[in-house]
Amino acid sequence: MKRVKIIGVPEHFNLPWHLALEDNAFKDRGIQLEWTDIPEGTGKMTQMLQHGEADLGVILTEGVIKSISQGNPVKIVQEYVSSPLLWGIHVDANSERNSVAALKDDKVAISRMGSGSHLMAYIHAQDRGWDTENLEFEIINNLDGAVENLSNGSNAYFMWEHFTTKPLVDNDTFKRLGDCPTPWPCFVIAATDTFISKNAGALAHILDIINTYTSEFKQIPSIDRTLSNRYGQKLEDIKEWLSKTTWGQKQLPEQTVNEVQSRLFDLNLIDEVKSPKTFLWK
């Protein structure tokens, strides 16, 4: 049995992995896949991959491209979610700010540097014509840290996936002022160069299994109710999320790698635009 360590966020996007694990789909191919939830998100996951603490990660596209560009020995092995991620823009529910425009000079609460919440703050600010060099950040580690930070009067704003934070908007912990979608497919599957070099066959099996589950995911009877129950979401919200979300089963296009790099380079978040082959397996 080949032991493989995989990491990802504890969010509804990753239910196909858990269903496959519950069905022993990986064990049937001789693979002991060990999943670990990482609530801190992509910034933490890139560190874990770099330090050999995981073999695979289901990770945000812009975060892993930035990390690979800076020398992380990792490759994107394929798309995972091919639709954009909808980032909600939040403040404390009691804040007097009622528009995104009012946030222009405020600090941003982020899980850590290099995370999606960090990089998308730049993308969002640039989209609005704000001076991105003036952005200031407060490190909050994870969603619980954001609740504590905003509720205790930090006056920061916080960007996180729209549907994950929806219960916190509904219960008046956060006020959502708007949304910012990623301009590219949001999640990819990444693997360390070390794992790829020794386990290309096992990797092909893993991708074959997860692609079968994601391609059939929306057709599972009552999948909306399963998601609602497992992730504490309203059924109507899950139905809306499912209608906006598509899973990918192919490699990330080179053009997309270049688009992400170009945007990060323009924001001075990477030093150069490299060949897509630097980032992609095969």
C-alpha atoms as a PDB file:
ATOM      1  CA  MET A   1       0.000   0.000   0.000  1.00  0.00           C
ATOM      2  CA  LYS A   2       1.506   3.326  -1.089  1.00  0.00           C
ATOM      3  CA  ARG A   3       1.074   6.037   1.576  1.00  0.00           C
ATOM      4  CA  VAL A   4       0.316   9.506   0.170  1.00  0.00           C
ATOM      5  CA  LYS A   5      -0.220  12.668   2.245  1.00  0.00           C
ATOM      6  CA  ILE A   6      -2.630  15.232   0.786  1.00  0.00           C
ATOM      7  CA  ILE A   7      -3.747  18.590   2.193  1.00  0.00           C
ATOM      8  CA  GLY A   8      -6.629  20.966   1.444  1.00  0.00           C
ATOM      9  CA  VAL A   9      -9.038  23.439   2.995  1.00  0.00           C
ATOM     10  CA  PRO A  10     -11.980  22.156   5.092  1.00  0.00           C
ATOM     11  CA  GLU A  11     -14.545  23.495   2.619  1.00  0.00           C
ATOM     12  CA  HIS A  12     -17.329  22.128   0.440  1.00  0.00           C
ATOM     13  CA  PHE A  13     -15.148  22.150  -2.706  1.00  0.00           C
ATOM     14  CA  ASN A  14     -13.281  19.129  -1.381  1.00  0.00           C
ATOM     15  CA  LEU A  15     -16.211  16.806  -0.663  1.00  0.00           C
ATOM     16  CA  PRO A  16     -15.381  14.667  -3.768  1.00  0.00           C
ATOM     17  CA  TRP A  17     -12.096  13.658  -2.084  1.00  0.00           C
ATOM     18  CA  HIS A  18     -13.869  12.649   1.110  1.00  0.00           C
ATOM     19  CA  LEU A  19     -16.497  10.639  -0.752  1.00  0.00           C
ATOM     20  CA  ALA A  20     -13.758   8.787  -2.635  1.00  0.00           C
ATOM     21  CA  LEU A  21     -11.933   8.108   0.636  1.00  0.00           C
ATOM     22  CA  GLU A  22     -15.137   6.839   2.281  1.00  0.00           C
ATOM     23  CA  ASP A  23     -15.671   4.515  -0.693  1.00  0.00           C
ATOM     24  CA  ASN A  24     -12.095   3.154  -0.330  1.00  0.00           C
ATOM     25  CA  ALA A  25     -11.555   4.119  -3.966  1.00  0.00           C
ATOM     26  CA  PHE A  26      -7.855   4.830  -3.409  1.00  0.00           C
ATOM     27  CA  LYS A  27      -7.232   1.699  -1.336  1.00  0.00           C
ATOM     28  CA  ASP A  28      -8.689  -0.356  -4.176  1.00  0.00           C
ATOM     29  CA  ARG A  29      -5.741   0.906  -6.275  1.00  0.00           C
ATOM     30  CA  GLY A  30      -3.171   0.207  -3.560  1.00  0.00           C
ATOM     31  CA  ILE A  31      -2.965   3.802  -2.299  1.00  0.00           C
ATOM     32  CA  GLN A  32      -3.372   4.827   1.337  1.00  0.00           C
ATOM     33  CA  LEU A  33      -4.383   8.462   0.829  1.00  0.00           C
ATOM     34  CA  GLU A  34      -4.226  10.470   4.063  1.00  0.00           C
ATOM     35  CA  TRP A  35      -6.162  13.734   3.975  1.00  0.00           C
ATOM     36  CA  THR A  36      -5.389  16.620   6.370  1.00  0.00           C
ATOM     37  CA  ASP A  37      -7.543  19.754   6.598  1.00  0.00           C
ATOM     38  CA  ILE A  38      -5.568  23.013   6.615  1.00  0.00           C
ATOM     39  CA  PRO A  39      -7.874  25.824   7.846  1.00  0.00           C
ATOM     40  CA  GLU A  40      -5.089  28.405   7.357  1.00  0.00           C
ATOM     41  CA  GLY A  41      -5.336  27.905   3.598  1.00  0.00           C
ATOM     42  CA  THR A  42      -2.941  28.225   0.690  1.00  0.00           C
ATOM     43  CA  GLY A  43      -0.120  30.170   2.373  1.00  0.00           C
ATOM     44  CA  LYS A  44       0.270  27.409   4.964  1.00  0.00           C
ATOM     45  CA  MET A  45      -0.093  24.671   2.333  1.00  0.00           C
ATOM     46  CA  THR A  46       2.694  26.013   0.102  1.00  0.00           C
ATOM     47  CA  GLN A  47       4.992  25.963   3.154  1.00  0.00           C
ATOM     48  CA  MET A  48       4.019  22.381   3.968  1.00  0.00           C
ATOM     49  CA  LEU A  49       4.677  21.229   0.397  1.00  0.00           C
ATOM     50  CA  GLN A  50       8.016  23.029   0.377  1.00  0.00           C
ATOM     51  CA  HIS A  51       9.069  21.397   3.649  1.00  0.00           C
ATOM     52  CA  GLY A  52       8.010  17.913   2.551  1.00  0.00           C
ATOM     53  CA  GLU A  53       5.166  17.726   5.081  1.00  0.00           C
ATOM     54  CA  ALA A  54       2.730  16.743   2.323  1.00  0.00           C
ATOM     55  CA  ASP A  55       2.941  15.131  -1.115  1.00  0.00           C
ATOM     56  CA  LEU A  56      -0.124  16.707  -2.730  1.00  0.00           C
ATOM     57  CA  GLY A  57      -2.186  19.818  -2.130  1.00  0.00           C
ATOM     58  CA  VAL A  58      -5.553  21.046  -3.393  1.00  0.00           C
ATOM     59  CA  ILE A  59      -4.570  24.670  -3.531  1.00  0.00           C
ATOM     60  CA  LEU A  60      -5.419  28.106  -4.926  1.00  0.00           C
ATOM     61  CA  THR A  61      -3.996  28.708  -8.401  1.00  0.00           C
ATOM     62  CA  GLU A  62      -2.483  32.148  -7.793  1.00  0.00           C
ATOM     63  CA  GLY A  63      -0.929  31.082  -4.480  1.00  0.00           C
ATOM     64  CA  VAL A  64       0.885  28.037  -5.814  1.00  0.00           C
ATOM     65  CA  ILE A  65       2.052  29.861  -8.957  1.00  0.00           C
ATOM     66  CA  LYS A  66       3.568  32.597  -6.788  1.00  0.00           C
ATOM     67  CA  SER A  67       5.241  29.993  -4.583  1.00  0.00           C
ATOM     68  CA  ILE A  68       6.661  27.971  -7.512  1.00  0.00           C
ATOM     69  CA  SER A  69       7.917  31.201  -9.101  1.00  0.00           C
ATOM     70  CA  GLN A  70       9.844  31.865  -5.883  1.00  0.00           C
ATOM     71  CA  GLY A  71      11.519  28.447  -5.966  1.00  0.00           C
ATOM     72  CA  ASN A  72       9.121  26.001  -4.310  1.00  0.00           C
ATOM     73  CA  PRO A  73       9.916  22.587  -5.918  1.00  0.00           C
ATOM     74  CA  VAL A  74       6.289  21.796  -6.782  1.00  0.00           C
ATOM     75  CA  LYS A  75       4.303  21.273  -9.987  1.00  0.00           C
ATOM     76  CA  ILE A  76       0.657  21.832 -10.854  1.00  0.00           C
ATOM     77  CA  VAL A  77      -0.584  18.423 -12.002  1.00  0.00           C
ATOM     78  CA  GLN A  78      -4.049  19.563 -13.133  1.00  0.00           C
ATOM     79  CA  GLU A  79      -6.998  21.881 -12.570  1.00  0.00           C
ATOM     80  CA  TYR A  80      -9.354  20.946  -9.754  1.00  0.00           C
ATOM     81  CA  VAL A  81     -12.069  23.629  -9.752  1.00  0.00           C
ATOM     82  CA  SER A  82     -12.189  25.323 -13.140  1.00  0.00           C
ATOM     83  CA  SER A  83     -14.688  28.049 -12.221  1.00  0.00           C
ATOM     84  CA  PRO A  84     -13.652  31.265 -10.405  1.00  0.00           C
ATOM     85  CA  LEU A  85     -13.673  31.559  -6.620  1.00  0.00           C
ATOM     86  CA  LEU A  86     -16.081  34.197  -5.343  1.00  0.00           C
ATOM     87  CA  TRP A  87     -14.281  36.163  -2.634  1.00  0.00           C
ATOM     88  CA  GLY A  88     -16.641  37.938  -0.255  1.00  0.00           C
ATOM     89  CA  ILE A  89     -15.410  41.287   1.100  1.00  0.00           C
ATOM     90  CA  HIS A  90     -16.313  41.569   4.774  1.00  0.00           C
ATOM     91  CA  VAL A  91     -16.198  43.969   7.707  1.00  0.00           C
ATOM     92  CA  ASP A  92     -17.463  43.628  11.245  1.00  0.00           C
ATOM     93  CA  ALA A  93     -21.265  43.600  11.300  1.00  0.00           C
ATOM     94  CA  ASN A  94     -21.304  46.729  13.488  1.00  0.00           C
ATOM     95  CA  SER A  95     -19.025  48.726  11.191  1.00  0.00           C
ATOM     96  CA  GLU A  96     -20.383  52.015   9.849  1.00  0.00           C
ATOM     97  CA  ARG A  97     -18.817  51.269   6.442  1.00  0.00           C
ATOM     98  CA  ASN A  98     -21.445  50.265   3.892  1.00  0.00           C
ATOM     99  CA  SER A  99     -19.552  50.223   0.596  1.00  0.00           C
ATOM    100  CA  VAL A 100     -16.371  48.683  -0.794  1.00  0.00           C
ATOM    101  CA  ALA A 101     -15.210  52.178  -1.767  1.00  0.00           C
ATOM    102  CA  ALA A 102     -15.070  53.070   1.944  1.00  0.00           C
ATOM    103  CA  LEU A 103     -12.306  50.463   2.468  1.00  0.00           C
ATOM    104  CA  LYS A 104      -9.717  52.185   0.275  1.00  0.00           C
ATOM    105  CA  ASP A 105      -7.340  53.207   3.081  1.00  0.00           C
ATOM    106  CA  ASP A 106      -8.115  50.394   5.552  1.00  0.00           C
ATOM    107  CA  LYS A 107      -5.936  47.475   6.571  1.00  0.00           C
ATOM    108  CA  VAL A 108      -6.673  43.973   5.257  1.00  0.00           C
ATOM    109  CA  ALA A 109      -6.971  40.938   7.518  1.00  0.00           C
ATOM    110  CA  ILE A 110      -5.258  37.956   5.829  1.00  0.00           C
ATOM    111  CA  SER A 111      -4.499  34.396   6.884  1.00  0.00           C
ATOM    112  CA  ARG A 112      -0.791  34.799   6.048  1.00  0.00           C
ATOM    113  CA  MET A 113       1.510  36.264   3.396  1.00  0.00           C
ATOM    114  CA  GLY A 114       1.242  34.378   0.110  1.00  0.00           C
ATOM    115  CA  SER A 115      -2.279  33.198   0.893  1.00  0.00           C
ATOM    116  CA  GLY A 116      -5.291  33.710  -1.353  1.00  0.00           C
ATOM    117  CA  SER A 117      -6.632  36.368   1.005  1.00  0.00           C
ATOM    118  CA  HIS A 118      -3.308  38.215   0.649  1.00  0.00           C
ATOM    119  CA  LEU A 119      -2.934  37.956  -3.137  1.00  0.00           C
ATOM    120  CA  MET A 120      -6.598  38.647  -3.909  1.00  0.00           C
ATOM    121  CA  ALA A 121      -6.452  41.806  -1.787  1.00  0.00           C
ATOM    122  CA  TYR A 122      -3.905  43.075  -4.332  1.00  0.00           C
ATOM    123  CA  ILE A 123      -5.969  41.929  -7.321  1.00  0.00           C
ATOM    124  CA  HIS A 124      -9.087  43.571  -5.891  1.00  0.00           C
ATOM    125  CA  ALA A 125      -7.306  46.833  -5.043  1.00  0.00           C
ATOM    126  CA  GLN A 126      -5.783  47.004  -8.527  1.00  0.00           C
ATOM    127  CA  ASP A 127      -9.187  46.335 -10.113  1.00  0.00           C
ATOM    128  CA  ARG A 128     -10.577  49.324  -8.211  1.00  0.00           C
ATOM    129  CA  GLY A 129      -7.693  51.614  -9.149  1.00  0.00           C
ATOM    130  CA  TRP A 130      -6.360  51.869  -5.596  1.00  0.00           C
ATOM    131  CA  ASP A 131      -2.653  52.314  -4.878  1.00  0.00           C
ATOM    132  CA  THR A 132      -1.577  48.745  -4.118  1.00  0.00           C
ATOM    133  CA  GLU A 133       1.706  49.924  -2.573  1.00  0.00           C
ATOM    134  CA  ASN A 134      -0.304  51.395   0.305  1.00  0.00           C
ATOM    135  CA  LEU A 135      -1.898  48.086   1.306  1.00  0.00           C
ATOM    136  CA  GLU A 136      -1.276  47.093   4.931  1.00  0.00           C
ATOM    137  CA  PHE A 137      -2.028  43.683   6.420  1.00  0.00           C
ATOM    138  CA  GLU A 138      -2.914  42.060   9.721  1.00  0.00           C
ATOM    139  CA  ILE A 139      -2.164  38.318   9.987  1.00  0.00           C
ATOM    140  CA  ILE A 140      -5.187  36.469  11.409  1.00  0.00           C
ATOM    141  CA  ASN A 141      -4.195  32.843  10.597  1.00  0.00           C
ATOM    142  CA  ASN A 142      -7.654  31.457   9.722  1.00  0.00           C
ATOM    143  CA  LEU A 143     -11.380  32.151   9.675  1.00  0.00           C
ATOM    144  CA  ASP A 144     -11.704  31.974  13.473  1.00  0.00           C
ATOM    145  CA  GLY A 145      -8.867  34.491  13.721  1.00  0.00           C
ATOM    146  CA  ALA A 146     -10.717  36.803  11.343  1.00  0.00           C
ATOM    147  CA  VAL A 147     -13.829  36.681  13.517  1.00  0.00           C
ATOM    148  CA  GLU A 148     -11.758  37.577  16.570  1.00  0.00           C
ATOM    149  CA  ASN A 149      -9.859  40.322  14.738  1.00  0.00           C
ATOM    150  CA  LEU A 150     -12.855  42.072  13.191  1.00  0.00           C
ATOM    151  CA  SER A 151     -15.073  41.665  16.264  1.00  0.00           C
ATOM    152  CA  ASN A 152     -12.441  43.284  18.499  1.00  0.00           C
ATOM    153  CA  GLY A 153     -12.393  46.565  16.632  1.00  0.00           C
ATOM    154  CA  SER A 154      -9.444  46.159  14.235  1.00  0.00           C
ATOM    155  CA  ASN A 155     -11.365  48.048  11.499  1.00  0.00           C
ATOM    156  CA  ALA A 156      -9.699  45.782   8.904  1.00  0.00           C
ATOM    157  CA  TYR A 157     -11.616  44.218   6.043  1.00  0.00           C
ATOM    158  CA  PHE A 158     -11.402  40.529   5.254  1.00  0.00           C
ATOM    159  CA  MET A 159     -11.701  38.557   2.014  1.00  0.00           C
ATOM    160  CA  TRP A 160     -12.740  34.891   2.137  1.00  0.00           C
ATOM    161  CA  GLU A 161     -14.814  32.515   0.036  1.00  0.00           C
ATOM    162  CA  HIS A 162     -18.380  33.862  -0.212  1.00  0.00           C
ATOM    163  CA  PHE A 163     -20.293  30.710   0.737  1.00  0.00           C
ATOM    164  CA  THR A 164     -17.939  29.610   3.524  1.00  0.00           C
ATOM    165  CA  THR A 165     -18.498  32.950   5.268  1.00  0.00           C
ATOM    166  CA  LYS A 166     -22.237  33.165   4.462  1.00  0.00           C
ATOM    167  CA  PRO A 167     -23.306  31.712   7.866  1.00  0.00           C
ATOM    168  CA  LEU A 168     -21.215  34.436   9.560  1.00  0.00           C
ATOM    169  CA  VAL A 169     -23.001  37.070   7.488  1.00  0.00           C
ATOM    170  CA  ASP A 170     -26.378  35.522   8.284  1.00  0.00           C
ATOM    171  CA  ASN A 171     -25.705  35.525  12.047  1.00  0.00           C
ATOM    172  CA  ASP A 172     -24.487  39.154  12.008  1.00  0.00           C
ATOM    173  CA  THR A 173     -20.835  38.436  12.760  1.00  0.00           C
ATOM    174  CA  PHE A 174     -19.741  39.916   9.421  1.00  0.00           C
ATOM    175  CA  LYS A 175     -21.256  42.408   7.009  1.00  0.00           C
ATOM    176  CA  ARG A 176     -20.503  41.663   3.360  1.00  0.00           C
ATOM    177  CA  LEU A 177     -19.915  44.768   1.246  1.00  0.00           C
ATOM    178  CA  GLY A 178     -19.281  43.049  -2.078  1.00  0.00           C
ATOM    179  CA  ASP A 179     -17.620  40.188  -3.936  1.00  0.00           C
ATOM    180  CA  CYS A 180     -14.471  39.780  -6.029  1.00  0.00           C
ATOM    181  CA  PRO A 181     -14.202  36.731  -8.333  1.00  0.00           C
ATOM    182  CA  THR A 182     -10.821  35.306  -9.295  1.00  0.00           C
ATOM    183  CA  PRO A 183     -10.025  36.008 -12.984  1.00  0.00           C
ATOM    184  CA  TRP A 184      -8.994  32.338 -13.507  1.00  0.00           C
ATOM    185  CA  PRO A 185      -9.782  28.733 -12.427  1.00  0.00           C
ATOM    186  CA  CYS A 186      -9.507  28.826  -8.668  1.00  0.00           C
ATOM    187  CA  PHE A 187      -8.178  25.472  -7.416  1.00  0.00           C
ATOM    188  CA  VAL A 188      -5.483  23.176  -8.785  1.00  0.00           C
ATOM    189  CA  ILE A 189      -3.909  19.943  -7.591  1.00  0.00           C
ATOM    190  CA  ALA A 190      -0.185  20.358  -6.942  1.00  0.00           C
ATOM    191  CA  ALA A 191       2.469  17.764  -6.128  1.00  0.00           C
ATOM    192  CA  THR A 192       6.049  18.020  -4.927  1.00  0.00           C
ATOM    193  CA  ASP A 193       8.767  17.322  -7.489  1.00  0.00           C
ATOM    194  CA  THR A 194      10.084  14.594  -5.181  1.00  0.00           C
ATOM    195  CA  PHE A 195       6.726  12.810  -5.115  1.00  0.00           C
ATOM    196  CA  ILE A 196       6.267  13.100  -8.875  1.00  0.00           C
ATOM    197  CA  SER A 197       9.737  11.735  -9.631  1.00  0.00           C
ATOM    198  CA  LYS A 198       9.152   8.594  -7.559  1.00  0.00           C
ATOM    199  CA  ASN A 199       5.396   8.046  -7.867  1.00  0.00           C
ATOM    200  CA  ALA A 200       4.147   9.048 -11.314  1.00  0.00           C
ATOM    201  CA  GLY A 201       2.082   5.865 -11.541  1.00  0.00           C
ATOM    202  CA  ALA A 202       0.375   6.406  -8.185  1.00  0.00           C
ATOM    203  CA  LEU A 203      -0.278  10.028  -9.119  1.00  0.00           C
ATOM    204  CA  ALA A 204      -1.972   8.953 -12.351  1.00  0.00           C
ATOM    205  CA  HIS A 205      -4.224   6.596 -10.345  1.00  0.00           C
ATOM    206  CA  ILE A 206      -5.127   9.354  -7.867  1.00  0.00           C
ATOM    207  CA  LEU A 207      -6.046  11.774 -10.660  1.00  0.00           C
ATOM    208  CA  ASP A 208      -8.064   9.117 -12.456  1.00  0.00           C
ATOM    209  CA  ILE A 209     -10.092   8.464  -9.301  1.00  0.00           C
ATOM    210  CA  ILE A 210     -10.737  12.097  -8.341  1.00  0.00           C
ATOM    211  CA  ASN A 211     -11.624  13.002 -11.931  1.00  0.00           C
ATOM    212  CA  THR A 212     -14.242  10.255 -11.962  1.00  0.00           C
ATOM    213  CA  TYR A 213     -15.737  11.593  -8.722  1.00  0.00           C
ATOM    214  CA  THR A 214     -15.726  15.256  -9.772  1.00  0.00           C
ATOM    215  CA  SER A 215     -17.172  14.567 -13.227  1.00  0.00           C
ATOM    216  CA  GLU A 216     -20.109  12.724 -11.631  1.00  0.00           C
ATOM    217  CA  PHE A 217     -20.389  14.863  -8.475  1.00  0.00           C
ATOM    218  CA  LYS A 218     -23.379  17.019  -9.397  1.00  0.00           C
ATOM    219  CA  GLN A 219     -25.388  13.950 -10.466  1.00  0.00           C
ATOM    220  CA  ILE A 220     -25.160  12.291  -7.026  1.00  0.00           C
ATOM    221  CA  PRO A 221     -28.734  12.041  -5.631  1.00  0.00           C
ATOM    222  CA  SER A 222     -29.409  14.734  -2.988  1.00  0.00           C
ATOM    223  CA  ILE A 223     -25.811  15.965  -3.121  1.00  0.00           C
ATOM    224  CA  ASP A 224     -27.091  19.442  -2.236  1.00  0.00           C
ATOM    225  CA  ARG A 225     -28.556  18.123   1.027  1.00  0.00           C
ATOM    226  CA  THR A 226     -25.377  16.198   1.821  1.00  0.00           C
ATOM    227  CA  LEU A 227     -23.297  19.338   1.344  1.00  0.00           C
ATOM    228  CA  SER A 228     -25.735  21.441   3.380  1.00  0.00           C
ATOM    229  CA  ASN A 229     -25.620  19.006   6.305  1.00  0.00           C
ATOM    230  CA  ARG A 230     -21.867  18.375   6.277  1.00  0.00           C
ATOM    231  CA  TYR A 231     -20.782  21.997   5.943  1.00  0.00           C
ATOM    232  CA  GLY A 232     -23.487  23.774   7.941  1.00  0.00           C
ATOM    233  CA  GLN A 233     -24.811  25.720   4.953  1.00  0.00           C
ATOM    234  CA  LYS A 234     -28.368  26.665   4.017  1.00  0.00           C
ATOM    235  CA  LEU A 235     -29.723  24.464   1.233  1.00  0.00           C
ATOM    236  CA  GLU A 236     -30.515  27.502  -0.931  1.00  0.00           C
ATOM    237  CA  ASP A 237     -26.904  28.707  -0.619  1.00  0.00           C
ATOM    238  CA  ILE A 238     -25.500  25.300  -1.548  1.00  0.00           C
ATOM    239  CA  LYS A 239     -27.765  25.174  -4.606  1.00  0.00           C
ATOM    240  CA  GLU A 240     -26.517  28.592  -5.706  1.00  0.00           C
ATOM    241  CA  TRP A 241     -22.895  27.552  -5.105  1.00  0.00           C
ATOM    242  CA  LEU A 242     -23.340  24.323  -7.087  1.00  0.00           C
ATOM    243  CA  SER A 243     -24.824  26.295  -9.991  1.00  0.00           C
ATOM    244  CA  LYS A 244     -21.688  28.486 -10.121  1.00  0.00           C
ATOM    245  CA  THR A 245     -19.078  25.745  -9.619  1.00  0.00           C
ATOM    246  CA  THR A 246     -17.485  23.427 -12.171  1.00  0.00           C
ATOM    247  CA  TRP A 247     -14.717  20.901 -11.589  1.00  0.00           C
ATOM    248  CA  GLY A 248     -11.906  20.447 -14.096  1.00  0.00           C
ATOM    249  CA  GLN A 249     -10.271  17.194 -15.129  1.00  0.00           C
ATOM    250  CA  LYS A 250      -7.452  18.484 -17.348  1.00  0.00           C
ATOM    251  CA  GLN A 251      -4.130  20.262 -16.970  1.00  0.00           C
ATOM    252  CA  LEU A 252      -4.207  24.013 -16.373  1.00  0.00           C
ATOM    253  CA  PRO A 253      -3.675  25.761 -19.761  1.00  0.00           C
ATOM    254  CA  GLU A 254      -0.302  27.438 -20.316  1.00  0.00           C
ATOM    255  CA  GLN A 255      -2.173  30.624 -21.241  1.00  0.00           C
ATOM    256  CA  THR A 256      -3.748  30.687 -17.771  1.00  0.00           C
ATOM    257  CA  VAL A 257      -0.338  30.235 -16.106  1.00  0.00           C
ATOM    258  CA  ASN A 258       0.908  33.233 -18.094  1.00  0.00           C
ATOM    259  CA  GLU A 259      -2.175  35.314 -17.197  1.00  0.00           C
ATOM    260  CA  VAL A 260      -1.658  34.677 -13.476  1.00  0.00           C
ATOM    261  CA  GLN A 261       2.069  35.377 -13.687  1.00  0.00           C
ATOM    262  CA  SER A 262       1.496  38.571 -15.661  1.00  0.00           C
ATOM    263  CA  ARG A 263      -0.917  39.865 -13.027  1.00  0.00           C
ATOM    264  CA  LEU A 264       1.368  38.949 -10.115  1.00  0.00           C
ATOM    265  CA  PHE A 265       4.372  40.485 -11.884  1.00  0.00           C
ATOM    266  CA  ASP A 266       2.437  43.682 -12.553  1.00  0.00           C
ATOM    267  CA  LEU A 267       1.720  43.867  -8.794  1.00  0.00           C
ATOM    268  CA  ASN A 268       5.414  43.286  -7.914  1.00  0.00           C
ATOM    269  CA  LEU A 269       4.494  40.015  -6.214  1.00  0.00           C
ATOM    270  CA  ILE A 270       6.887  37.929  -8.353  1.00  0.00           C
ATOM    271  CA  ASP A 271      10.238  38.934  -9.867  1.00  0.00           C
ATOM    272  CA  GLU A 272       9.825  37.601 -13.413  1.00  0.00           C
ATOM    273  CA  VAL A 273       7.472  35.800 -15.787  1.00  0.00           C
ATOM    274  CA  LYS A 274       8.793  32.279 -16.370  1.00  0.00           C
ATOM    275  CA  SER A 275       8.035  29.551 -18.907  1.00  0.00           C
ATOM    276  CA  PRO A 276       4.762  27.718 -18.137  1.00  0.00           C
ATOM    277  CA  LYS A 277       6.831  24.510 -18.120  1.00  0.00           C
ATOM    278  CA  THR A 278       8.308  25.709 -14.803  1.00  0.00           C
ATOM    279  CA  PHE A 279       4.871  25.268 -13.248  1.00  0.00           C
ATOM    280  CA  LEU A 280       3.188  22.350 -15.014  1.00  0.00           C
ATOM    281  CA  TRP A 281       3.688  18.579 -14.793  1.00  0.00           C
ATOM    282  CA  LYS A 282       4.336  16.973 -18.195  1.00  0.00           C
END
